[in-house]
PDB file of N, CA and C in Angstrom:
ATOM      1  N   MET A   1      -9.489   8.058  18.005  1.00  0.00           N
ATOM      2  CA  MET A   1      -8.133   7.634  17.709  1.00  0.00           C
ATOM      3  C   MET A   1      -8.094   7.065  16.294  1.00  0.00           C
ATOM      4  N   SER A   2      -7.149   7.521  15.486  1.00  0.00           N
ATOM      5  CA  SER A   2      -7.073   7.055  14.107  1.00  0.00           C
ATOM      6  C   SER A   2      -6.354   5.707  14.034  1.00  0.00           C
ATOM      7  N   GLN A   3      -6.691   4.958  13.012  1.00  0.00           N
ATOM      8  CA  GLN A   3      -6.079   3.649  12.799  1.00  0.00           C
ATOM      9  C   GLN A   3      -4.648   3.801  12.305  1.00  0.00           C
ATOM     10  N   LYS A   4      -3.765   2.955  12.784  1.00  0.00           N
ATOM     11  CA  LYS A   4      -2.388   2.972  12.307  1.00  0.00           C
ATOM     12  C   LYS A   4      -2.310   2.347  10.929  1.00  0.00           C
ATOM     13  N   VAL A   5      -1.347   2.820  10.146  1.00  0.00           N
ATOM     14  CA  VAL A   5      -1.231   2.421   8.737  1.00  0.00           C
ATOM     15  C   VAL A   5       0.148   1.864   8.439  1.00  0.00           C
ATOM     16  N   ALA A   6       0.169   0.812   7.621  1.00  0.00           N
ATOM     17  CA  ALA A   6       1.427   0.279   7.099  1.00  0.00           C
ATOM     18  C   ALA A   6       1.464   0.595   5.604  1.00  0.00           C
ATOM     19  N   LEU A   7       2.518   1.262   5.169  1.00  0.00           N
ATOM     20  CA  LEU A   7       2.708   1.547   3.747  1.00  0.00           C
ATOM     21  C   LEU A   7       3.626   0.468   3.170  1.00  0.00           C
ATOM     22  N   VAL A   8       3.196  -0.107   2.081  1.00  0.00           N
ATOM     23  CA  VAL A   8       3.981  -1.140   1.415  1.00  0.00           C
ATOM     24  C   VAL A   8       4.333  -0.608   0.032  1.00  0.00           C
ATOM     25  N   ILE A   9       5.625  -0.361  -0.160  1.00  0.00           N
ATOM     26  CA  ILE A   9       6.110   0.163  -1.422  1.00  0.00           C
ATOM     27  C   ILE A   9       6.673  -1.015  -2.217  1.00  0.00           C
ATOM     28  N   GLY A  10       5.942  -1.416  -3.225  1.00  0.00           N
ATOM     29  CA  GLY A  10       6.260  -2.632  -3.977  1.00  0.00           C
ATOM     30  C   GLY A  10       5.402  -3.753  -3.427  1.00  0.00           C
ATOM     31  N   ALA A  11       4.431  -4.203  -4.197  1.00  0.00           N
ATOM     32  CA  ALA A  11       3.448  -5.156  -3.677  1.00  0.00           C
ATOM     33  C   ALA A  11       3.482  -6.501  -4.414  1.00  0.00           C
ATOM     34  N   SER A  12       4.691  -6.919  -4.791  1.00  0.00           N
ATOM     35  CA  SER A  12       4.832  -8.206  -5.463  1.00  0.00           C
ATOM     36  C   SER A  12       4.686  -9.337  -4.457  1.00  0.00           C
ATOM     37  N   LYS A  13       4.871 -10.559  -4.920  1.00  0.00           N
ATOM     38  CA  LYS A  13       4.659 -11.727  -4.049  1.00  0.00           C
ATOM     39  C   LYS A  13       5.582 -11.690  -2.812  1.00  0.00           C
ATOM     40  N   GLU A  14       6.712 -11.021  -2.925  1.00  0.00           N
ATOM     41  CA  GLU A  14       7.620 -10.930  -1.783  1.00  0.00           C
ATOM     42  C   GLU A  14       7.027 -10.104  -0.637  1.00  0.00           C
ATOM     43  N   SER A  15       6.027  -9.313  -0.925  1.00  0.00           N
ATOM     44  CA  SER A  15       5.407  -8.443   0.075  1.00  0.00           C
ATOM     45  C   SER A  15       4.189  -9.071   0.741  1.00  0.00           C
ATOM     46  N   VAL A  16       3.745 -10.189   0.247  1.00  0.00           N
ATOM     47  CA  VAL A  16       2.530 -10.812   0.771  1.00  0.00           C
ATOM     48  C   VAL A  16       2.633 -11.096   2.266  1.00  0.00           C
ATOM     49  N   PHE A  17       3.762 -11.647   2.699  1.00  0.00           N
ATOM     50  CA  PHE A  17       3.928 -11.960   4.123  1.00  0.00           C
ATOM     51  C   PHE A  17       3.787 -10.695   4.975  1.00  0.00           C
ATOM     52  N   ALA A  18       4.464  -9.627   4.589  1.00  0.00           N
ATOM     53  CA  ALA A  18       4.418  -8.384   5.342  1.00  0.00           C
ATOM     54  C   ALA A  18       2.997  -7.797   5.377  1.00  0.00           C
ATOM     55  N   ILE A  19       2.311  -7.864   4.244  1.00  0.00           N
ATOM     56  CA  ILE A  19       0.940  -7.351   4.185  1.00  0.00           C
ATOM     57  C   ILE A  19       0.045  -8.150   5.132  1.00  0.00           C
ATOM     58  N   ASN A  20       0.136  -9.460   5.084  1.00  0.00           N
ATOM     59  CA  ASN A  20      -0.676 -10.303   5.968  1.00  0.00           C
ATOM     60  C   ASN A  20      -0.369 -10.070   7.432  1.00  0.00           C
ATOM     61  N   GLU A  21       0.894  -9.912   7.756  1.00  0.00           N
ATOM     62  CA  GLU A  21       1.271  -9.681   9.161  1.00  0.00           C
ATOM     63  C   GLU A  21       0.766  -8.323   9.649  1.00  0.00           C
ATOM     64  N   ALA A  22       0.858  -7.321   8.786  1.00  0.00           N
ATOM     65  CA  ALA A  22       0.369  -5.985   9.168  1.00  0.00           C
ATOM     66  C   ALA A  22      -1.146  -6.033   9.405  1.00  0.00           C
ATOM     67  N   LYS A  23      -1.857  -6.742   8.556  1.00  0.00           N
ATOM     68  CA  LYS A  23      -3.307  -6.840   8.741  1.00  0.00           C
ATOM     69  C   LYS A  23      -3.637  -7.612  10.021  1.00  0.00           C
ATOM     70  N   LYS A  24      -2.909  -8.667  10.307  1.00  0.00           N
ATOM     71  CA  LYS A  24      -3.117  -9.409  11.554  1.00  0.00           C
ATOM     72  C   LYS A  24      -2.899  -8.530  12.774  1.00  0.00           C
ATOM     73  N   ALA A  25      -1.968  -7.584  12.643  1.00  0.00           N
ATOM     74  CA  ALA A  25      -1.650  -6.672  13.743  1.00  0.00           C
ATOM     75  C   ALA A  25      -2.677  -5.533  13.846  1.00  0.00           C
ATOM     76  N   GLY A  26      -3.659  -5.534  12.953  1.00  0.00           N
ATOM     77  CA  GLY A  26      -4.704  -4.525  13.009  1.00  0.00           C
ATOM     78  C   GLY A  26      -4.389  -3.240  12.276  1.00  0.00           C
ATOM     79  N   LEU A  27      -3.344  -3.265  11.445  1.00  0.00           N
ATOM     80  CA  LEU A  27      -2.983  -2.078  10.685  1.00  0.00           C
ATOM     81  C   LEU A  27      -3.772  -2.004   9.375  1.00  0.00           C
ATOM     82  N   LYS A  28      -4.038  -0.804   8.933  1.00  0.00           N
ATOM     83  CA  LYS A  28      -4.606  -0.575   7.615  1.00  0.00           C
ATOM     84  C   LYS A  28      -3.428  -0.619   6.647  1.00  0.00           C
ATOM     85  N   VAL A  29      -3.524  -1.403   5.586  1.00  0.00           N
ATOM     86  CA  VAL A  29      -2.420  -1.568   4.645  1.00  0.00           C
ATOM     87  C   VAL A  29      -2.708  -0.790   3.362  1.00  0.00           C
ATOM     88  N   VAL A  30      -1.761   0.111   3.030  1.00  0.00           N
ATOM     89  CA  VAL A  30      -1.830   0.873   1.795  1.00  0.00           C
ATOM     90  C   VAL A  30      -0.631   0.437   0.949  1.00  0.00           C
ATOM     91  N   ALA A  31      -0.908  -0.139  -0.223  1.00  0.00           N
ATOM     92  CA  ALA A  31       0.154  -0.701  -1.050  1.00  0.00           C
ATOM     93  C   ALA A  31       0.282   0.062  -2.376  1.00  0.00           C
ATOM     94  N   PHE A  32       1.523   0.111  -2.849  1.00  0.00           N
ATOM     95  CA  PHE A  32       1.859   0.789  -4.105  1.00  0.00           C
ATOM     96  C   PHE A  32       2.691  -0.149  -4.968  1.00  0.00           C
ATOM     97  N   ASP A  33       2.375  -0.201  -6.264  1.00  0.00           N
ATOM     98  CA  ASP A  33       3.191  -0.968  -7.183  1.00  0.00           C
ATOM     99  C   ASP A  33       2.914  -0.456  -8.589  1.00  0.00           C
ATOM    100  N   GLY A  34       3.893  -0.589  -9.454  1.00  0.00           N
ATOM    101  CA  GLY A  34       3.732  -0.162 -10.830  1.00  0.00           C
ATOM    102  C   GLY A  34       3.034  -1.197 -11.701  1.00  0.00           C
ATOM    103  N   ASN A  35       2.915  -2.406 -11.193  1.00  0.00           N
ATOM    104  CA  ASN A  35       2.280  -3.503 -11.919  1.00  0.00           C
ATOM    105  C   ASN A  35       0.844  -3.653 -11.424  1.00  0.00           C
ATOM    106  N   LYS A  36      -0.123  -3.395 -12.259  1.00  0.00           N
ATOM    107  CA  LYS A  36      -1.528  -3.464 -11.841  1.00  0.00           C
ATOM    108  C   LYS A  36      -1.944  -4.868 -11.403  1.00  0.00           C
ATOM    109  N   ASP A  37      -1.170  -5.880 -11.779  1.00  0.00           N
ATOM    110  CA  ASP A  37      -1.477  -7.264 -11.424  1.00  0.00           C
ATOM    111  C   ASP A  37      -0.709  -7.760 -10.202  1.00  0.00           C
ATOM    112  N   ALA A  38       0.013  -6.894  -9.530  1.00  0.00           N
ATOM    113  CA  ALA A  38       0.787  -7.312  -8.351  1.00  0.00           C
ATOM    114  C   ALA A  38      -0.156  -7.881  -7.292  1.00  0.00           C
ATOM    115  N   ILE A  39       0.166  -9.033  -6.779  1.00  0.00           N
ATOM    116  CA  ILE A  39      -0.699  -9.746  -5.837  1.00  0.00           C
ATOM    117  C   ILE A  39      -0.993  -8.934  -4.571  1.00  0.00           C
ATOM    118  N   GLY A  40      -0.002  -8.190  -4.106  1.00  0.00           N
ATOM    119  CA  GLY A  40      -0.184  -7.404  -2.886  1.00  0.00           C
ATOM    120  C   GLY A  40      -1.211  -6.307  -3.017  1.00  0.00           C
ATOM    121  N   LEU A  41      -1.410  -5.805  -4.215  1.00  0.00           N
ATOM    122  CA  LEU A  41      -2.422  -4.769  -4.424  1.00  0.00           C
ATOM    123  C   LEU A  41      -3.829  -5.322  -4.143  1.00  0.00           C
ATOM    124  N   LYS A  42      -4.014  -6.595  -4.412  1.00  0.00           N
ATOM    125  CA  LYS A  42      -5.322  -7.223  -4.187  1.00  0.00           C
ATOM    126  C   LYS A  42      -5.537  -7.502  -2.697  1.00  0.00           C
ATOM    127  N   LEU A  43      -4.463  -7.679  -1.967  1.00  0.00           N
ATOM    128  CA  LEU A  43      -4.555  -8.020  -0.536  1.00  0.00           C
ATOM    129  C   LEU A  43      -4.655  -6.787   0.364  1.00  0.00           C
ATOM    130  N   ALA A  44      -4.134  -5.675  -0.102  1.00  0.00           N
ATOM    131  CA  ALA A  44      -4.109  -4.452   0.711  1.00  0.00           C
ATOM    132  C   ALA A  44      -5.508  -3.859   0.861  1.00  0.00           C
ATOM    133  N   ASP A  45      -5.670  -3.037   1.899  1.00  0.00           N
ATOM    134  CA  ASP A  45      -6.937  -2.346   2.112  1.00  0.00           C
ATOM    135  C   ASP A  45      -7.145  -1.235   1.088  1.00  0.00           C
ATOM    136  N   VAL A  46      -6.043  -0.567   0.744  1.00  0.00           N
ATOM    137  CA  VAL A  46      -6.054   0.511  -0.258  1.00  0.00           C
ATOM    138  C   VAL A  46      -4.867   0.257  -1.177  1.00  0.00           C
ATOM    139  N   SER A  47      -5.099   0.346  -2.484  1.00  0.00           N
ATOM    140  CA  SER A  47      -4.034   0.056  -3.454  1.00  0.00           C
ATOM    141  C   SER A  47      -3.925   1.152  -4.503  1.00  0.00           C
ATOM    142  N   TYR A  48      -2.677   1.411  -4.908  1.00  0.00           N
ATOM    143  CA  TYR A  48      -2.430   2.387  -5.962  1.00  0.00           C
ATOM    144  C   TYR A  48      -1.429   1.803  -6.951  1.00  0.00           C
ATOM    145  N   VAL A  49      -1.728   1.937  -8.223  1.00  0.00           N
ATOM    146  CA  VAL A  49      -0.794   1.555  -9.295  1.00  0.00           C
ATOM    147  C   VAL A  49      -0.064   2.823  -9.689  1.00  0.00           C
ATOM    148  N   VAL A  50       1.202   2.904  -9.278  1.00  0.00           N
ATOM    149  CA  VAL A  50       2.054   4.060  -9.589  1.00  0.00           C
ATOM    150  C   VAL A  50       3.486   3.600  -9.808  1.00  0.00           C
ATOM    151  N   ASP A  51       4.252   4.428 -10.481  1.00  0.00           N
ATOM    152  CA  ASP A  51       5.687   4.167 -10.644  1.00  0.00           C
ATOM    153  C   ASP A  51       6.341   4.433  -9.297  1.00  0.00           C
ATOM    154  N   ILE A  52       6.743   3.366  -8.612  1.00  0.00           N
ATOM    155  CA  ILE A  52       7.299   3.508  -7.256  1.00  0.00           C
ATOM    156  C   ILE A  52       8.740   4.001  -7.246  1.00  0.00           C
ATOM    157  N   ARG A  53       9.341   4.165  -8.403  1.00  0.00           N
ATOM    158  CA  ARG A  53      10.714   4.693  -8.467  1.00  0.00           C
ATOM    159  C   ARG A  53      10.729   6.207  -8.272  1.00  0.00           C
ATOM    160  N   ASP A  54       9.559   6.826  -8.306  1.00  0.00           N
ATOM    161  CA  ASP A  54       9.448   8.278  -8.109  1.00  0.00           C
ATOM    162  C   ASP A  54       8.622   8.551  -6.856  1.00  0.00           C
ATOM    163  N   PRO A  55       9.270   8.888  -5.760  1.00  0.00           N
ATOM    164  CA  PRO A  55       8.565   9.105  -4.491  1.00  0.00           C
ATOM    165  C   PRO A  55       7.442  10.148  -4.576  1.00  0.00           C
ATOM    166  N   LYS A  56       7.564  11.077  -5.492  1.00  0.00           N
ATOM    167  CA  LYS A  56       6.515  12.098  -5.631  1.00  0.00           C
ATOM    168  C   LYS A  56       5.175  11.466  -5.974  1.00  0.00           C
ATOM    169  N   ASN A  57       5.198  10.391  -6.755  1.00  0.00           N
ATOM    170  CA  ASN A  57       3.962   9.689  -7.100  1.00  0.00           C
ATOM    171  C   ASN A  57       3.255   9.157  -5.850  1.00  0.00           C
ATOM    172  N   ILE A  58       4.033   8.592  -4.962  1.00  0.00           N
ATOM    173  CA  ILE A  58       3.490   8.027  -3.743  1.00  0.00           C
ATOM    174  C   ILE A  58       2.950   9.119  -2.831  1.00  0.00           C
ATOM    175  N   ILE A  59       3.730  10.161  -2.647  1.00  0.00           N
ATOM    176  CA  ILE A  59       3.301  11.270  -1.796  1.00  0.00           C
ATOM    177  C   ILE A  59       2.027  11.902  -2.334  1.00  0.00           C
ATOM    178  N   GLU A  60       1.978  12.080  -3.631  1.00  0.00           N
ATOM    179  CA  GLU A  60       0.792  12.674  -4.264  1.00  0.00           C
ATOM    180  C   GLU A  60      -0.458  11.837  -3.986  1.00  0.00           C
ATOM    181  N   LYS A  61      -0.331  10.532  -4.080  1.00  0.00           N
ATOM    182  CA  LYS A  61      -1.477   9.656  -3.808  1.00  0.00           C
ATOM    183  C   LYS A  61      -1.893   9.717  -2.341  1.00  0.00           C
ATOM    184  N   LEU A  62      -0.915   9.761  -1.454  1.00  0.00           N
ATOM    185  CA  LEU A  62      -1.221   9.796  -0.026  1.00  0.00           C
ATOM    186  C   LEU A  62      -1.907  11.103   0.371  1.00  0.00           C
ATOM    187  N   ILE A  63      -1.466  12.187  -0.214  1.00  0.00           N
ATOM    188  CA  ILE A  63      -2.028  13.505   0.128  1.00  0.00           C
ATOM    189  C   ILE A  63      -3.358  13.746  -0.568  1.00  0.00           C
ATOM    190  N   GLY A  64      -3.420  13.439  -1.841  1.00  0.00           N
ATOM    191  CA  GLY A  64      -4.613  13.799  -2.614  1.00  0.00           C
ATOM    192  C   GLY A  64      -5.452  12.653  -3.074  1.00  0.00           C
ATOM    193  N   GLY A  65      -5.097  11.451  -2.673  1.00  0.00           N
ATOM    194  CA  GLY A  65      -5.798  10.275  -3.189  1.00  0.00           C
ATOM    195  C   GLY A  65      -7.033   9.847  -2.432  1.00  0.00           C
ATOM    196  N   GLY A  66      -7.438  10.643  -1.465  1.00  0.00           N
ATOM    197  CA  GLY A  66      -8.623  10.285  -0.717  1.00  0.00           C
ATOM    198  C   GLY A  66      -8.395   9.228   0.340  1.00  0.00           C
ATOM    199  N   THR A  67      -7.148   8.905   0.616  1.00  0.00           N
ATOM    200  CA  THR A  67      -6.845   7.923   1.647  1.00  0.00           C
ATOM    201  C   THR A  67      -6.881   8.621   3.003  1.00  0.00           C
ATOM    202  N   SER A  68      -7.743   8.161   3.858  1.00  0.00           N
ATOM    203  CA  SER A  68      -7.814   8.761   5.186  1.00  0.00           C
ATOM    204  C   SER A  68      -6.771   8.111   6.086  1.00  0.00           C
ATOM    205  N   LEU A  69      -5.673   8.789   6.265  1.00  0.00           N
ATOM    206  CA  LEU A  69      -4.576   8.254   7.075  1.00  0.00           C
ATOM    207  C   LEU A  69      -4.530   8.906   8.419  1.00  0.00           C
TER     208      LEU A  69
END
């Protein structure tokens, strides 16, 4: 059985609560943000620095980024 995943689009300080709750629930957290210093990127299990205004960037990372979802 594969692990369930929570995708967090935008990993600024406002996302910290959601990331922590998802991890407490046993979910693997994959976070995306355009700011390499976003706090949520450090807290997530897998992090990507991408322009989140373009969904193609996110999809590309999920499909080809080596993330086992």
